[in-house]
Amino acid sequence: MYQDYIFRIIVYCVSVYLILIKNSISVNFCGLTILLAHIYKDTINIPKWPYWCELFGIFLSMLLINGGIELNNYFILVIGGLKFLAHVRQLIFKDNRYYY
């Protein structure tokens, strides 16, 4: 399952990038939240996010989309869009597959 390790590295790198963005507390908040949530999930080895995490993930994705628009940063906008689609997909299909 090397895909899981690659995905984790990407998530950690993206979350650190979001934390380091200047002039956007909401994007920094999203990055910190994503980083802490994934560290917790990977440390405790949670097999599936709880339902409320899906809703909170959608909320974070909307903050990222809005932050990407405000900062004119298309990378943040794309990350927010991918996060939104992944969490909505999970709410619909409930198969614990988000991106791959």
N, C-alpha and C. Protein backbone atom coordinates (compact mmCIF):
# COMPACT_ATOMS: atom_id res chain seq x y z
N MET A 1 0.82 -1.19 0.00
CA MET A 1 0.00 0.00 0.00
C MET A 1 0.86 1.26 0.00
N TYR A 2 1.76 1.33 -0.93
CA TYR A 2 2.62 2.49 -1.03
C TYR A 2 1.84 3.75 -1.36
N GLN A 3 0.64 3.59 -1.98
CA GLN A 3 -0.18 4.76 -2.28
C GLN A 3 -0.57 5.51 -1.01
N ASP A 4 -0.84 4.77 0.06
CA ASP A 4 -1.20 5.40 1.33
C ASP A 4 -0.06 6.25 1.87
N TYR A 5 1.16 5.77 1.74
CA TYR A 5 2.32 6.53 2.23
C TYR A 5 2.56 7.77 1.39
N ILE A 6 2.40 7.63 0.09
CA ILE A 6 2.55 8.79 -0.80
C ILE A 6 1.47 9.82 -0.49
N PHE A 7 0.24 9.34 -0.29
CA PHE A 7 -0.87 10.24 0.04
C PHE A 7 -0.59 10.97 1.35
N ARG A 8 -0.10 10.26 2.36
CA ARG A 8 0.20 10.90 3.64
C ARG A 8 1.26 11.99 3.49
N ILE A 9 2.29 11.70 2.73
CA ILE A 9 3.34 12.70 2.50
C ILE A 9 2.75 13.94 1.82
N ILE A 10 1.90 13.72 0.82
CA ILE A 10 1.27 14.84 0.12
C ILE A 10 0.39 15.64 1.08
N VAL A 11 -0.40 14.95 1.90
CA VAL A 11 -1.28 15.65 2.85
C VAL A 11 -0.46 16.48 3.82
N TYR A 12 0.61 15.91 4.36
CA TYR A 12 1.44 16.66 5.31
C TYR A 12 2.11 17.86 4.64
N CYS A 13 2.61 17.68 3.45
CA CYS A 13 3.26 18.80 2.73
C CYS A 13 2.26 19.91 2.41
N VAL A 14 1.08 19.53 1.93
CA VAL A 14 0.06 20.53 1.60
C VAL A 14 -0.40 21.25 2.86
N SER A 15 -0.59 20.53 3.95
CA SER A 15 -1.05 21.18 5.18
C SER A 15 0.00 22.16 5.71
N VAL A 16 1.28 21.80 5.63
CA VAL A 16 2.34 22.73 6.05
C VAL A 16 2.34 23.95 5.13
N TYR A 17 2.17 23.73 3.83
CA TYR A 17 2.08 24.86 2.89
C TYR A 17 0.94 25.80 3.28
N LEU A 18 -0.22 25.23 3.62
CA LEU A 18 -1.37 26.05 4.00
C LEU A 18 -1.10 26.82 5.30
N ILE A 19 -0.39 26.20 6.21
CA ILE A 19 -0.05 26.86 7.47
C ILE A 19 0.86 28.06 7.22
N LEU A 20 1.75 27.95 6.25
CA LEU A 20 2.74 28.99 6.00
C LEU A 20 2.26 30.12 5.08
N ILE A 21 1.04 30.00 4.56
CA ILE A 21 0.50 31.07 3.70
C ILE A 21 0.36 32.35 4.52
N LYS A 22 0.75 33.45 3.95
CA LYS A 22 0.65 34.74 4.65
C LYS A 22 -0.68 35.41 4.31
N ASN A 23 -1.17 36.21 5.24
CA ASN A 23 -2.36 37.05 5.06
C ASN A 23 -3.67 36.28 4.96
N SER A 24 -3.75 35.09 5.54
CA SER A 24 -5.01 34.37 5.54
C SER A 24 -5.11 33.45 6.75
N ILE A 25 -5.73 33.95 7.77
CA ILE A 25 -5.90 33.17 9.00
C ILE A 25 -6.78 31.95 8.75
N SER A 26 -7.79 32.08 7.89
CA SER A 26 -8.69 30.95 7.62
C SER A 26 -7.94 29.81 6.91
N VAL A 27 -7.07 30.13 5.97
CA VAL A 27 -6.28 29.11 5.28
C VAL A 27 -5.29 28.49 6.25
N ASN A 28 -4.67 29.29 7.10
CA ASN A 28 -3.76 28.77 8.13
C ASN A 28 -4.49 27.82 9.08
N PHE A 29 -5.70 28.20 9.47
CA PHE A 29 -6.53 27.37 10.35
C PHE A 29 -6.82 26.03 9.68
N CYS A 30 -7.16 26.06 8.40
CA CYS A 30 -7.44 24.82 7.66
C CYS A 30 -6.21 23.93 7.62
N GLY A 31 -5.06 24.52 7.31
CA GLY A 31 -3.83 23.75 7.26
C GLY A 31 -3.49 23.11 8.59
N LEU A 32 -3.61 23.87 9.66
CA LEU A 32 -3.31 23.34 10.99
C LEU A 32 -4.29 22.24 11.37
N THR A 33 -5.55 22.45 11.08
CA THR A 33 -6.58 21.45 11.40
C THR A 33 -6.34 20.15 10.62
N ILE A 34 -6.04 20.28 9.33
CA ILE A 34 -5.78 19.10 8.50
C ILE A 34 -4.54 18.36 9.02
N LEU A 35 -3.49 19.11 9.33
CA LEU A 35 -2.26 18.49 9.84
C LEU A 35 -2.52 17.73 11.14
N LEU A 36 -3.15 18.38 12.11
CA LEU A 36 -3.41 17.74 13.40
C LEU A 36 -4.34 16.54 13.26
N ALA A 37 -5.38 16.67 12.42
CA ALA A 37 -6.33 15.57 12.23
C ALA A 37 -5.64 14.35 11.62
N HIS A 38 -4.79 14.59 10.63
CA HIS A 38 -4.13 13.46 9.98
C HIS A 38 -3.03 12.86 10.85
N ILE A 39 -2.34 13.67 11.62
CA ILE A 39 -1.38 13.11 12.58
C ILE A 39 -2.11 12.23 13.57
N TYR A 40 -3.23 12.71 14.09
CA TYR A 40 -4.03 11.94 15.05
C TYR A 40 -4.52 10.63 14.41
N LYS A 41 -5.08 10.74 13.21
CA LYS A 41 -5.61 9.55 12.52
C LYS A 41 -4.51 8.53 12.26
N ASP A 42 -3.35 9.00 11.82
CA ASP A 42 -2.26 8.08 11.51
C ASP A 42 -1.61 7.50 12.77
N THR A 43 -1.57 8.28 13.84
CA THR A 43 -0.98 7.80 15.10
C THR A 43 -1.88 6.77 15.77
N ILE A 44 -3.16 7.08 15.84
CA ILE A 44 -4.12 6.19 16.51
C ILE A 44 -4.55 5.06 15.57
N ASN A 45 -4.31 5.24 14.28
CA ASN A 45 -4.68 4.27 13.25
C ASN A 45 -6.19 4.08 13.16
N ILE A 46 -6.89 5.19 13.02
CA ILE A 46 -8.35 5.17 12.88
C ILE A 46 -8.68 4.65 11.47
N PRO A 47 -9.50 3.61 11.36
CA PRO A 47 -9.79 3.07 10.03
C PRO A 47 -10.73 3.95 9.19
N LYS A 48 -11.60 4.73 9.87
CA LYS A 48 -12.57 5.53 9.14
C LYS A 48 -12.88 6.79 9.93
N TRP A 49 -13.00 7.92 9.21
CA TRP A 49 -13.38 9.17 9.87
C TRP A 49 -14.82 9.08 10.34
N PRO A 50 -15.14 9.65 11.52
CA PRO A 50 -16.54 9.70 11.95
C PRO A 50 -17.35 10.63 11.04
N TYR A 51 -18.68 10.50 11.12
CA TYR A 51 -19.58 11.28 10.27
C TYR A 51 -19.36 12.78 10.41
N TRP A 52 -19.21 13.25 11.65
CA TRP A 52 -19.06 14.69 11.86
C TRP A 52 -17.79 15.23 11.20
N CYS A 53 -16.78 14.38 11.05
CA CYS A 53 -15.55 14.80 10.38
C CYS A 53 -15.79 15.07 8.90
N GLU A 54 -16.72 14.34 8.30
CA GLU A 54 -17.06 14.58 6.89
C GLU A 54 -17.67 15.98 6.75
N LEU A 55 -18.56 16.32 7.65
CA LEU A 55 -19.20 17.64 7.61
C LEU A 55 -18.17 18.74 7.86
N PHE A 56 -17.29 18.51 8.83
CA PHE A 56 -16.26 19.50 9.12
C PHE A 56 -15.28 19.61 7.95
N GLY A 57 -15.00 18.50 7.28
CA GLY A 57 -14.14 18.51 6.10
C GLY A 57 -14.74 19.36 4.99
N ILE A 58 -16.06 19.29 4.83
CA ILE A 58 -16.74 20.12 3.83
C ILE A 58 -16.63 21.59 4.22
N PHE A 59 -16.78 21.88 5.51
CA PHE A 59 -16.63 23.25 5.98
C PHE A 59 -15.22 23.78 5.70
N LEU A 60 -14.21 22.96 6.00
CA LEU A 60 -12.83 23.37 5.74
C LEU A 60 -12.60 23.58 4.24
N SER A 61 -13.20 22.73 3.43
CA SER A 61 -13.02 22.88 1.98
C SER A 61 -13.62 24.20 1.50
N MET A 62 -14.74 24.61 2.07
CA MET A 62 -15.33 25.89 1.68
C MET A 62 -14.44 27.05 2.11
N LEU A 63 -13.83 26.95 3.29
CA LEU A 63 -12.88 27.97 3.72
C LEU A 63 -11.69 28.05 2.77
N LEU A 64 -11.21 26.88 2.33
CA LEU A 64 -10.08 26.86 1.40
C LEU A 64 -10.46 27.44 0.04
N ILE A 65 -11.63 27.11 -0.44
CA ILE A 65 -12.08 27.66 -1.73
C ILE A 65 -12.18 29.17 -1.63
N ASN A 66 -12.80 29.65 -0.56
CA ASN A 66 -12.92 31.08 -0.35
C ASN A 66 -11.55 31.75 -0.20
N GLY A 67 -10.66 31.11 0.56
CA GLY A 67 -9.31 31.64 0.75
C GLY A 67 -8.53 31.66 -0.55
N GLY A 68 -8.70 30.63 -1.37
CA GLY A 68 -8.03 30.59 -2.66
C GLY A 68 -8.48 31.70 -3.58
N ILE A 69 -9.78 32.00 -3.53
CA ILE A 69 -10.32 33.10 -4.34
C ILE A 69 -9.80 34.44 -3.83
N GLU A 70 -9.85 34.64 -2.51
CA GLU A 70 -9.39 35.91 -1.93
C GLU A 70 -7.91 36.17 -2.19
N LEU A 71 -7.11 35.12 -2.11
CA LEU A 71 -5.66 35.27 -2.30
C LEU A 71 -5.24 35.16 -3.77
N ASN A 72 -6.21 34.85 -4.62
CA ASN A 72 -5.92 34.62 -6.04
C ASN A 72 -4.87 33.51 -6.19
N ASN A 73 -5.04 32.46 -5.37
CA ASN A 73 -4.11 31.33 -5.34
C ASN A 73 -4.88 30.10 -5.83
N TYR A 74 -4.61 29.71 -7.08
CA TYR A 74 -5.35 28.62 -7.68
C TYR A 74 -5.01 27.26 -7.06
N PHE A 75 -3.83 27.12 -6.51
CA PHE A 75 -3.47 25.87 -5.84
C PHE A 75 -4.38 25.63 -4.63
N ILE A 76 -4.57 26.67 -3.82
CA ILE A 76 -5.45 26.54 -2.66
C ILE A 76 -6.88 26.29 -3.11
N LEU A 77 -7.29 26.96 -4.16
CA LEU A 77 -8.64 26.76 -4.72
C LEU A 77 -8.83 25.31 -5.16
N VAL A 78 -7.86 24.75 -5.84
CA VAL A 78 -7.95 23.36 -6.30
C VAL A 78 -7.95 22.40 -5.12
N ILE A 79 -7.11 22.65 -4.13
CA ILE A 79 -7.09 21.80 -2.92
C ILE A 79 -8.46 21.83 -2.24
N GLY A 80 -9.04 23.01 -2.11
CA GLY A 80 -10.37 23.13 -1.52
C GLY A 80 -11.41 22.38 -2.33
N GLY A 81 -11.35 22.50 -3.64
CA GLY A 81 -12.29 21.80 -4.51
C GLY A 81 -12.16 20.30 -4.41
N LEU A 82 -10.92 19.80 -4.40
CA LEU A 82 -10.71 18.36 -4.26
C LEU A 82 -11.21 17.85 -2.91
N LYS A 83 -10.93 18.62 -1.87
CA LYS A 83 -11.38 18.25 -0.53
C LYS A 83 -12.90 18.22 -0.47
N PHE A 84 -13.53 19.22 -1.08
CA PHE A 84 -14.99 19.26 -1.11
C PHE A 84 -15.57 18.03 -1.81
N LEU A 85 -15.07 17.75 -3.00
CA LEU A 85 -15.56 16.59 -3.75
C LEU A 85 -15.34 15.29 -3.01
N ALA A 86 -14.18 15.16 -2.36
CA ALA A 86 -13.87 13.92 -1.64
C ALA A 86 -14.82 13.69 -0.47
N HIS A 87 -15.10 14.73 0.29
CA HIS A 87 -15.97 14.55 1.47
C HIS A 87 -17.44 14.40 1.07
N VAL A 88 -17.87 15.08 0.04
CA VAL A 88 -19.24 14.88 -0.45
C VAL A 88 -19.38 13.47 -1.01
N ARG A 89 -18.38 13.03 -1.76
CA ARG A 89 -18.39 11.67 -2.30
C ARG A 89 -18.50 10.64 -1.18
N GLN A 90 -17.75 10.86 -0.11
CA GLN A 90 -17.78 9.92 1.01
C GLN A 90 -19.16 9.90 1.68
N LEU A 91 -19.78 11.06 1.81
CA LEU A 91 -21.12 11.11 2.40
C LEU A 91 -22.13 10.35 1.54
N ILE A 92 -21.95 10.38 0.24
CA ILE A 92 -22.88 9.70 -0.67
C ILE A 92 -22.62 8.20 -0.71
N PHE A 93 -21.37 7.80 -0.94
CA PHE A 93 -21.05 6.39 -1.17
C PHE A 93 -20.66 5.61 0.09
N LYS A 94 -20.17 6.29 1.11
CA LYS A 94 -19.80 5.65 2.39
C LYS A 94 -18.89 4.42 2.19
N ASP A 95 -17.89 4.57 1.32
CA ASP A 95 -17.00 3.44 1.03
C ASP A 95 -15.57 3.67 1.53
N ASN A 96 -15.34 4.76 2.27
CA ASN A 96 -14.04 5.08 2.84
C ASN A 96 -12.96 5.28 1.78
N ARG A 97 -13.36 5.69 0.58
CA ARG A 97 -12.43 6.04 -0.49
C ARG A 97 -12.65 7.51 -0.78
N TYR A 98 -11.58 8.27 -0.71
CA TYR A 98 -11.69 9.70 -0.89
C TYR A 98 -11.11 10.17 -2.22
N TYR A 99 -9.87 9.82 -2.49
CA TYR A 99 -9.18 10.33 -3.66
C TYR A 99 -8.73 9.24 -4.62
N TYR A 100 -8.53 8.06 -4.16
CA TYR A 100 -8.03 6.98 -5.02
C TYR A 100 -8.61 5.66 -4.59
